[in-house]
N, C-alpha and C. Protein backbone atom coordinates (compact mmCIF):
# COMPACT_ATOMS: atom_id res chain seq x y z
N MET A 1 -4.13 -24.67 -7.08
CA MET A 1 -3.57 -23.33 -7.02
C MET A 1 -2.19 -23.43 -6.40
N ASP A 2 -1.20 -22.80 -7.04
CA ASP A 2 0.14 -22.79 -6.47
C ASP A 2 0.31 -21.58 -5.55
N SER A 3 1.44 -21.52 -4.89
CA SER A 3 1.69 -20.45 -3.92
C SER A 3 1.65 -19.07 -4.56
N ARG A 4 2.20 -18.95 -5.76
CA ARG A 4 2.21 -17.65 -6.42
C ARG A 4 0.80 -17.19 -6.75
N ALA A 5 -0.05 -18.12 -7.15
CA ALA A 5 -1.44 -17.76 -7.45
C ALA A 5 -2.17 -17.33 -6.18
N ALA A 6 -1.88 -18.00 -5.07
CA ALA A 6 -2.50 -17.61 -3.79
C ALA A 6 -2.04 -16.22 -3.36
N LEU A 7 -0.75 -15.95 -3.52
CA LEU A 7 -0.25 -14.61 -3.18
C LEU A 7 -0.90 -13.56 -4.06
N LYS A 8 -1.01 -13.85 -5.34
CA LYS A 8 -1.62 -12.91 -6.28
C LYS A 8 -3.08 -12.64 -5.90
N LEU A 9 -3.78 -13.67 -5.46
CA LEU A 9 -5.17 -13.52 -5.04
C LEU A 9 -5.28 -12.54 -3.87
N GLY A 10 -4.40 -12.69 -2.89
CA GLY A 10 -4.40 -11.78 -1.73
C GLY A 10 -4.03 -10.36 -2.09
N ILE A 11 -3.03 -10.21 -2.95
CA ILE A 11 -2.58 -8.88 -3.37
C ILE A 11 -3.67 -8.19 -4.18
N ASN A 12 -4.24 -8.89 -5.14
CA ASN A 12 -5.30 -8.29 -5.97
C ASN A 12 -6.57 -8.03 -5.17
N GLY A 13 -6.89 -8.91 -4.22
CA GLY A 13 -8.07 -8.70 -3.38
C GLY A 13 -7.95 -7.43 -2.56
N ALA A 14 -6.77 -7.19 -2.02
CA ALA A 14 -6.54 -5.96 -1.25
C ALA A 14 -6.68 -4.74 -2.15
N GLY A 15 -6.19 -4.84 -3.38
CA GLY A 15 -6.33 -3.74 -4.32
C GLY A 15 -7.78 -3.45 -4.65
N ASN A 16 -8.57 -4.49 -4.82
CA ASN A 16 -10.01 -4.31 -5.11
C ASN A 16 -10.73 -3.65 -3.94
N ILE A 17 -10.44 -4.09 -2.74
CA ILE A 17 -11.08 -3.49 -1.56
C ILE A 17 -10.65 -2.04 -1.40
N THR A 18 -9.38 -1.76 -1.64
CA THR A 18 -8.89 -0.39 -1.58
C THR A 18 -9.68 0.49 -2.53
N GLU A 19 -9.82 0.06 -3.76
CA GLU A 19 -10.54 0.86 -4.75
C GLU A 19 -12.00 1.05 -4.37
N GLN A 20 -12.63 0.04 -3.81
CA GLN A 20 -14.03 0.18 -3.39
C GLN A 20 -14.17 1.16 -2.23
N TYR A 21 -13.28 1.06 -1.25
CA TYR A 21 -13.34 1.98 -0.11
C TYR A 21 -13.10 3.43 -0.52
N LEU A 22 -12.29 3.65 -1.54
CA LEU A 22 -11.95 5.00 -1.95
C LEU A 22 -12.88 5.56 -3.03
N ALA A 23 -13.65 4.72 -3.68
CA ALA A 23 -14.42 5.10 -4.87
C ALA A 23 -15.25 6.37 -4.68
N ASP A 24 -15.98 6.48 -3.59
CA ASP A 24 -16.87 7.63 -3.42
C ASP A 24 -16.30 8.70 -2.48
N LEU A 25 -15.03 8.60 -2.15
CA LEU A 25 -14.40 9.62 -1.31
C LEU A 25 -13.79 10.71 -2.18
N THR A 26 -13.86 11.92 -1.69
CA THR A 26 -13.26 13.07 -2.38
C THR A 26 -11.82 13.26 -1.90
N ASP A 27 -11.11 14.14 -2.58
CA ASP A 27 -9.76 14.47 -2.13
C ASP A 27 -9.80 15.02 -0.71
N ALA A 28 -10.78 15.83 -0.39
CA ALA A 28 -10.91 16.39 0.97
C ALA A 28 -11.19 15.28 1.99
N ASP A 29 -11.98 14.29 1.59
CA ASP A 29 -12.28 13.18 2.51
C ASP A 29 -11.02 12.42 2.89
N LEU A 30 -10.04 12.40 2.01
CA LEU A 30 -8.80 11.67 2.29
C LEU A 30 -8.00 12.31 3.43
N LEU A 31 -8.35 13.53 3.80
CA LEU A 31 -7.64 14.22 4.88
C LEU A 31 -8.38 14.15 6.22
N VAL A 32 -9.49 13.42 6.26
CA VAL A 32 -10.25 13.26 7.51
C VAL A 32 -9.55 12.21 8.38
N ARG A 33 -9.41 12.55 9.65
CA ARG A 33 -8.81 11.61 10.61
C ARG A 33 -9.93 10.97 11.41
N PRO A 34 -9.89 9.64 11.59
CA PRO A 34 -10.96 8.99 12.34
C PRO A 34 -11.06 9.51 13.77
N VAL A 35 -9.93 9.73 14.41
CA VAL A 35 -9.85 10.35 15.74
C VAL A 35 -8.55 11.15 15.76
N PRO A 36 -8.46 12.14 16.64
CA PRO A 36 -7.21 12.92 16.70
C PRO A 36 -6.00 12.02 16.94
N GLY A 37 -4.91 12.38 16.28
CA GLY A 37 -3.67 11.65 16.47
C GLY A 37 -3.49 10.45 15.55
N THR A 38 -4.50 10.14 14.75
CA THR A 38 -4.36 9.04 13.79
C THR A 38 -4.01 9.60 12.42
N ASN A 39 -3.57 8.75 11.54
CA ASN A 39 -3.17 9.19 10.21
C ASN A 39 -4.36 9.22 9.27
N HIS A 40 -4.43 10.25 8.44
CA HIS A 40 -5.51 10.32 7.46
C HIS A 40 -5.17 9.44 6.26
N ILE A 41 -6.17 9.20 5.44
CA ILE A 41 -6.04 8.27 4.32
C ILE A 41 -4.97 8.74 3.32
N ALA A 42 -4.89 10.02 3.05
CA ALA A 42 -3.90 10.50 2.07
C ALA A 42 -2.49 10.10 2.51
N TRP A 43 -2.16 10.36 3.77
CA TRP A 43 -0.83 9.99 4.25
C TRP A 43 -0.64 8.47 4.18
N GLN A 44 -1.68 7.73 4.58
CA GLN A 44 -1.57 6.27 4.57
C GLN A 44 -1.36 5.73 3.16
N LEU A 45 -2.05 6.30 2.18
CA LEU A 45 -1.85 5.85 0.80
C LEU A 45 -0.40 6.06 0.37
N GLY A 46 0.14 7.22 0.68
CA GLY A 46 1.53 7.47 0.34
C GLY A 46 2.47 6.51 1.06
N HIS A 47 2.19 6.26 2.32
CA HIS A 47 2.98 5.32 3.10
C HIS A 47 2.94 3.92 2.47
N LEU A 48 1.77 3.47 2.10
CA LEU A 48 1.62 2.14 1.51
C LEU A 48 2.33 2.02 0.16
N ILE A 49 2.17 3.02 -0.66
CA ILE A 49 2.81 3.03 -1.98
C ILE A 49 4.32 3.03 -1.82
N GLN A 50 4.83 3.88 -0.94
CA GLN A 50 6.26 3.98 -0.72
C GLN A 50 6.80 2.69 -0.12
N ALA A 51 6.07 2.09 0.82
CA ALA A 51 6.52 0.86 1.47
C ALA A 51 6.60 -0.29 0.46
N GLU A 52 5.61 -0.40 -0.39
CA GLU A 52 5.63 -1.46 -1.40
C GLU A 52 6.83 -1.28 -2.33
N ASN A 53 7.06 -0.07 -2.76
CA ASN A 53 8.19 0.24 -3.63
C ASN A 53 9.50 -0.14 -2.93
N TRP A 54 9.65 0.28 -1.70
CA TRP A 54 10.88 0.05 -0.94
C TRP A 54 11.13 -1.44 -0.73
N MET A 55 10.12 -2.18 -0.28
CA MET A 55 10.30 -3.60 0.01
C MET A 55 10.66 -4.39 -1.25
N LEU A 56 9.95 -4.14 -2.33
CA LEU A 56 10.22 -4.90 -3.55
C LEU A 56 11.56 -4.52 -4.17
N ASN A 57 11.93 -3.26 -4.06
CA ASN A 57 13.26 -2.86 -4.55
C ASN A 57 14.37 -3.47 -3.69
N LEU A 58 14.10 -3.75 -2.43
CA LEU A 58 15.09 -4.47 -1.62
C LEU A 58 15.25 -5.90 -2.12
N LEU A 59 14.15 -6.52 -2.53
CA LEU A 59 14.23 -7.90 -3.03
C LEU A 59 14.94 -7.96 -4.37
N ARG A 60 14.60 -7.02 -5.25
CA ARG A 60 15.24 -6.96 -6.57
C ARG A 60 15.43 -5.48 -6.92
N PRO A 61 16.60 -4.96 -6.68
CA PRO A 61 16.86 -3.53 -6.95
C PRO A 61 16.49 -3.15 -8.39
N GLY A 62 15.79 -2.02 -8.49
CA GLY A 62 15.39 -1.51 -9.78
C GLY A 62 14.17 -2.18 -10.39
N SER A 63 13.52 -3.05 -9.63
CA SER A 63 12.37 -3.78 -10.19
C SER A 63 11.07 -2.99 -10.17
N MET A 64 11.02 -1.95 -9.39
CA MET A 64 9.77 -1.20 -9.23
C MET A 64 9.82 0.12 -9.99
N PRO A 65 8.64 0.56 -10.44
CA PRO A 65 8.58 1.88 -11.09
C PRO A 65 9.03 2.96 -10.11
N GLU A 66 9.70 3.96 -10.64
CA GLU A 66 10.16 5.06 -9.79
C GLU A 66 8.97 5.86 -9.26
N LEU A 67 9.11 6.33 -8.05
CA LEU A 67 8.12 7.23 -7.47
C LEU A 67 8.55 8.66 -7.76
N PRO A 68 7.60 9.60 -7.70
CA PRO A 68 7.97 11.01 -7.92
C PRO A 68 9.04 11.46 -6.93
N ALA A 69 9.86 12.37 -7.36
CA ALA A 69 10.91 12.92 -6.50
C ALA A 69 10.30 13.45 -5.21
N GLY A 70 10.89 13.10 -4.09
CA GLY A 70 10.43 13.57 -2.78
C GLY A 70 9.24 12.83 -2.21
N PHE A 71 8.75 11.81 -2.89
CA PHE A 71 7.54 11.11 -2.45
C PHE A 71 7.71 10.48 -1.08
N ALA A 72 8.82 9.79 -0.85
CA ALA A 72 9.04 9.14 0.44
C ALA A 72 9.07 10.16 1.57
N LYS A 73 9.77 11.27 1.36
CA LYS A 73 9.83 12.32 2.39
C LYS A 73 8.44 12.93 2.62
N GLN A 74 7.68 13.09 1.56
CA GLN A 74 6.33 13.65 1.64
C GLN A 74 5.41 12.79 2.50
N HIS A 75 5.72 11.50 2.62
CA HIS A 75 4.88 10.56 3.36
C HIS A 75 5.66 9.90 4.49
N SER A 76 6.58 10.65 5.08
CA SER A 76 7.40 10.14 6.19
C SER A 76 6.65 10.34 7.51
N LYS A 77 7.21 9.78 8.58
CA LYS A 77 6.61 9.96 9.91
C LYS A 77 6.52 11.44 10.27
N GLU A 78 7.47 12.22 9.77
CA GLU A 78 7.50 13.65 10.10
C GLU A 78 6.33 14.42 9.47
N THR A 79 5.75 13.90 8.41
CA THR A 79 4.66 14.61 7.74
C THR A 79 3.28 14.06 8.11
N ALA A 80 3.24 13.02 8.91
CA ALA A 80 1.97 12.37 9.23
C ALA A 80 0.97 13.31 9.92
N ALA A 81 1.44 14.30 10.64
CA ALA A 81 0.55 15.21 11.37
C ALA A 81 0.01 16.34 10.50
N SER A 82 0.49 16.47 9.28
CA SER A 82 0.07 17.58 8.41
C SER A 82 -1.35 17.36 7.89
N ASP A 83 -2.12 18.44 7.91
CA ASP A 83 -3.47 18.44 7.33
C ASP A 83 -3.54 19.37 6.13
N ASP A 84 -2.41 19.82 5.65
CA ASP A 84 -2.35 20.74 4.52
C ASP A 84 -2.64 19.99 3.23
N PRO A 85 -3.77 20.29 2.56
CA PRO A 85 -4.09 19.58 1.31
C PRO A 85 -3.00 19.70 0.25
N LYS A 86 -2.26 20.81 0.27
CA LYS A 86 -1.20 21.02 -0.72
C LYS A 86 0.01 20.11 -0.48
N ALA A 87 0.08 19.52 0.70
CA ALA A 87 1.21 18.64 1.04
C ALA A 87 1.00 17.21 0.54
N PHE A 88 -0.19 16.93 0.00
CA PHE A 88 -0.52 15.58 -0.42
C PHE A 88 -1.04 15.57 -1.85
N LEU A 89 -1.14 14.37 -2.40
CA LEU A 89 -1.62 14.21 -3.78
C LEU A 89 -3.14 14.08 -3.81
N THR A 90 -3.67 14.04 -5.00
CA THR A 90 -5.10 13.80 -5.17
C THR A 90 -5.37 12.30 -5.12
N LYS A 91 -6.61 11.93 -4.93
CA LYS A 91 -6.99 10.53 -4.94
C LYS A 91 -6.58 9.88 -6.26
N ALA A 92 -6.85 10.56 -7.37
CA ALA A 92 -6.50 10.01 -8.68
C ALA A 92 -5.00 9.76 -8.80
N GLU A 93 -4.20 10.67 -8.27
CA GLU A 93 -2.75 10.50 -8.33
C GLU A 93 -2.29 9.32 -7.48
N TYR A 94 -2.88 9.19 -6.28
CA TYR A 94 -2.52 8.04 -5.43
C TYR A 94 -2.92 6.72 -6.10
N LEU A 95 -4.11 6.67 -6.67
CA LEU A 95 -4.56 5.44 -7.31
C LEU A 95 -3.68 5.08 -8.51
N LYS A 96 -3.26 6.07 -9.26
CA LYS A 96 -2.37 5.82 -10.41
C LYS A 96 -1.04 5.23 -9.92
N LEU A 97 -0.47 5.83 -8.89
CA LEU A 97 0.79 5.33 -8.34
C LEU A 97 0.62 3.94 -7.74
N MET A 98 -0.50 3.72 -7.06
CA MET A 98 -0.77 2.40 -6.49
C MET A 98 -0.78 1.34 -7.58
N LYS A 99 -1.47 1.62 -8.68
CA LYS A 99 -1.56 0.66 -9.78
C LYS A 99 -0.21 0.43 -10.44
N GLU A 100 0.58 1.47 -10.58
CA GLU A 100 1.91 1.31 -11.16
C GLU A 100 2.79 0.43 -10.28
N GLN A 101 2.76 0.69 -8.97
CA GLN A 101 3.56 -0.12 -8.05
C GLN A 101 3.05 -1.56 -8.03
N ARG A 102 1.75 -1.71 -8.01
CA ARG A 102 1.17 -3.05 -7.99
C ARG A 102 1.56 -3.84 -9.24
N ALA A 103 1.59 -3.18 -10.38
CA ALA A 103 2.03 -3.86 -11.61
C ALA A 103 3.47 -4.33 -11.46
N GLY A 104 4.32 -3.51 -10.84
CA GLY A 104 5.70 -3.91 -10.60
C GLY A 104 5.80 -5.10 -9.67
N THR A 105 4.99 -5.09 -8.63
CA THR A 105 4.97 -6.20 -7.67
C THR A 105 4.54 -7.49 -8.36
N LEU A 106 3.48 -7.43 -9.14
CA LEU A 106 2.98 -8.63 -9.81
C LEU A 106 3.94 -9.12 -10.89
N LYS A 107 4.61 -8.21 -11.56
CA LYS A 107 5.62 -8.61 -12.54
C LYS A 107 6.75 -9.37 -11.85
N TYR A 108 7.19 -8.85 -10.71
CA TYR A 108 8.22 -9.53 -9.94
C TYR A 108 7.74 -10.91 -9.50
N LEU A 109 6.53 -10.98 -8.96
CA LEU A 109 5.96 -12.26 -8.53
C LEU A 109 5.91 -13.25 -9.68
N ASP A 110 5.48 -12.79 -10.85
CA ASP A 110 5.39 -13.67 -12.02
C ASP A 110 6.75 -14.21 -12.46
N SER A 111 7.82 -13.53 -12.09
CA SER A 111 9.16 -13.97 -12.50
C SER A 111 9.71 -15.07 -11.60
N LEU A 112 9.01 -15.38 -10.52
CA LEU A 112 9.52 -16.33 -9.53
C LEU A 112 8.96 -17.73 -9.73
N ALA A 113 9.71 -18.70 -9.28
CA ALA A 113 9.21 -20.06 -9.13
C ALA A 113 8.76 -20.21 -7.67
N ASP A 114 7.93 -21.19 -7.40
CA ASP A 114 7.48 -21.40 -6.02
C ASP A 114 8.66 -21.52 -5.05
N ALA A 115 9.71 -22.20 -5.46
CA ALA A 115 10.88 -22.39 -4.58
C ALA A 115 11.53 -21.07 -4.21
N ASP A 116 11.43 -20.07 -5.09
CA ASP A 116 12.02 -18.75 -4.82
C ASP A 116 11.38 -18.07 -3.62
N LEU A 117 10.15 -18.44 -3.32
CA LEU A 117 9.43 -17.80 -2.22
C LEU A 117 10.05 -18.13 -0.86
N ASP A 118 10.80 -19.23 -0.79
CA ASP A 118 11.45 -19.63 0.45
C ASP A 118 12.81 -18.98 0.66
N GLN A 119 13.29 -18.24 -0.33
CA GLN A 119 14.58 -17.57 -0.19
C GLN A 119 14.49 -16.50 0.91
N SER A 120 15.60 -16.25 1.54
CA SER A 120 15.64 -15.22 2.59
C SER A 120 15.37 -13.85 1.99
N ALA A 121 14.61 -13.06 2.71
CA ALA A 121 14.38 -11.68 2.32
C ALA A 121 15.64 -10.86 2.60
N HIS A 122 15.64 -9.65 2.11
CA HIS A 122 16.75 -8.73 2.39
C HIS A 122 16.91 -8.60 3.90
N GLU A 123 18.14 -8.42 4.35
CA GLU A 123 18.43 -8.34 5.79
C GLU A 123 17.65 -7.24 6.50
N LYS A 124 17.32 -6.15 5.81
CA LYS A 124 16.55 -5.07 6.44
C LYS A 124 15.11 -5.49 6.74
N LEU A 125 14.65 -6.57 6.13
CA LEU A 125 13.27 -7.03 6.31
C LEU A 125 13.15 -8.27 7.18
N GLN A 126 14.24 -8.99 7.36
CA GLN A 126 14.18 -10.31 7.97
C GLN A 126 13.64 -10.35 9.39
N HIS A 127 13.73 -9.26 10.12
CA HIS A 127 13.24 -9.28 11.50
C HIS A 127 11.71 -9.42 11.57
N PHE A 128 11.00 -9.07 10.49
CA PHE A 128 9.55 -9.26 10.51
C PHE A 128 9.03 -9.95 9.26
N LEU A 129 9.82 -10.02 8.21
CA LEU A 129 9.45 -10.71 6.97
C LEU A 129 10.66 -11.54 6.54
N PRO A 130 10.76 -12.78 7.01
CA PRO A 130 11.99 -13.53 6.81
C PRO A 130 12.24 -14.05 5.40
N THR A 131 11.18 -14.21 4.60
CA THR A 131 11.36 -14.79 3.27
C THR A 131 10.76 -13.90 2.19
N VAL A 132 11.13 -14.19 0.95
CA VAL A 132 10.55 -13.49 -0.20
C VAL A 132 9.03 -13.67 -0.19
N GLY A 133 8.56 -14.87 0.09
CA GLY A 133 7.12 -15.11 0.14
C GLY A 133 6.42 -14.27 1.20
N ALA A 134 7.06 -14.11 2.35
CA ALA A 134 6.49 -13.28 3.42
C ALA A 134 6.39 -11.83 2.99
N VAL A 135 7.40 -11.34 2.29
CA VAL A 135 7.37 -9.95 1.80
C VAL A 135 6.23 -9.77 0.81
N LEU A 136 6.06 -10.74 -0.07
CA LEU A 136 4.98 -10.64 -1.05
C LEU A 136 3.61 -10.75 -0.39
N ALA A 137 3.47 -11.62 0.58
CA ALA A 137 2.19 -11.74 1.30
C ALA A 137 1.85 -10.43 2.01
N MET A 138 2.89 -9.75 2.50
CA MET A 138 2.68 -8.48 3.20
C MET A 138 2.06 -7.42 2.31
N GLN A 139 2.25 -7.52 1.00
CA GLN A 139 1.72 -6.48 0.12
C GLN A 139 0.20 -6.44 0.17
N GLY A 140 -0.45 -7.55 0.26
CA GLY A 140 -1.90 -7.55 0.44
C GLY A 140 -2.29 -7.24 1.88
N THR A 141 -1.60 -7.86 2.82
CA THR A 141 -1.91 -7.69 4.24
C THR A 141 -1.77 -6.24 4.70
N HIS A 142 -0.70 -5.59 4.28
CA HIS A 142 -0.45 -4.21 4.70
C HIS A 142 -1.58 -3.29 4.24
N TRP A 143 -1.98 -3.44 2.98
CA TRP A 143 -3.07 -2.62 2.47
C TRP A 143 -4.38 -2.91 3.20
N MET A 144 -4.64 -4.17 3.50
CA MET A 144 -5.88 -4.52 4.21
C MET A 144 -5.88 -3.97 5.63
N MET A 145 -4.73 -3.97 6.28
CA MET A 145 -4.65 -3.41 7.63
C MET A 145 -5.08 -1.95 7.63
N HIS A 146 -4.57 -1.19 6.67
CA HIS A 146 -4.93 0.22 6.60
C HIS A 146 -6.37 0.41 6.11
N ALA A 147 -6.83 -0.44 5.22
CA ALA A 147 -8.21 -0.33 4.74
C ALA A 147 -9.20 -0.47 5.88
N GLY A 148 -8.85 -1.24 6.89
CA GLY A 148 -9.72 -1.35 8.07
C GLY A 148 -9.90 0.00 8.75
N GLN A 149 -8.85 0.83 8.71
CA GLN A 149 -8.95 2.17 9.28
C GLN A 149 -9.83 3.06 8.41
N TRP A 150 -9.81 2.82 7.11
CA TRP A 150 -10.61 3.63 6.19
C TRP A 150 -12.10 3.37 6.37
N ALA A 151 -12.44 2.16 6.80
CA ALA A 151 -13.85 1.84 7.07
C ALA A 151 -14.38 2.77 8.16
N VAL A 152 -13.55 3.08 9.14
CA VAL A 152 -13.95 3.98 10.23
C VAL A 152 -14.15 5.40 9.69
N VAL A 153 -13.24 5.85 8.84
CA VAL A 153 -13.38 7.18 8.24
C VAL A 153 -14.67 7.25 7.42
N ARG A 154 -14.94 6.20 6.66
CA ARG A 154 -16.16 6.17 5.85
C ARG A 154 -17.40 6.32 6.74
N ARG A 155 -17.43 5.63 7.85
CA ARG A 155 -18.58 5.73 8.76
C ARG A 155 -18.66 7.13 9.37
N LYS A 156 -17.53 7.72 9.71
CA LYS A 156 -17.50 9.08 10.25
C LYS A 156 -18.07 10.06 9.23
N LEU A 157 -17.83 9.80 7.95
CA LEU A 157 -18.33 10.66 6.88
C LEU A 157 -19.77 10.36 6.49
N GLY A 158 -20.39 9.39 7.16
CA GLY A 158 -21.78 9.06 6.90
C GLY A 158 -21.99 8.07 5.76
N ARG A 159 -20.92 7.43 5.31
CA ARG A 159 -21.05 6.44 4.24
C ARG A 159 -21.50 5.11 4.83
N ALA A 160 -22.28 4.39 4.04
CA ALA A 160 -22.76 3.08 4.46
C ALA A 160 -21.61 2.08 4.40
N PRO A 161 -21.65 1.04 5.26
CA PRO A 161 -20.61 0.01 5.18
C PRO A 161 -20.68 -0.70 3.83
N LEU A 162 -19.52 -1.08 3.32
CA LEU A 162 -19.48 -1.76 2.02
C LEU A 162 -19.49 -3.27 2.17
N PHE A 163 -18.98 -3.77 3.26
CA PHE A 163 -18.85 -5.22 3.43
C PHE A 163 -19.44 -5.64 4.76
């Protein structure tokens, strides 16, 4: 297995776990907070989708599918405290956008040679993701980090653990 295949495995694995954690949740469930002051799943999904789009577009401008107008602002730090269902998308809409962004990420990854992974990341990312490979690895890691929070929401809602 080469480096690109390993990255793809991590990225796709995170996508599979995301879909499993969300499969039996309703749109209303996406607005449940595990404890006060934490972010609900709807906001987190928007954050993750927007972050993936932003990071990959920094690596190769214009490489990612466009997000709906106002999407980044809708999922900014300023909106994280909102519990208004009208301020967020449906689960189906988030999953559609996630898959579109993921397709863009994987297309970009497929265009690279292993040596490209060692290239420096965009300067805005270098303080925590120094290389192209690190940025790509983050796409799976970031989603898994948030999915761990969703496991808590699932338990709060009375759902059985999946893993």
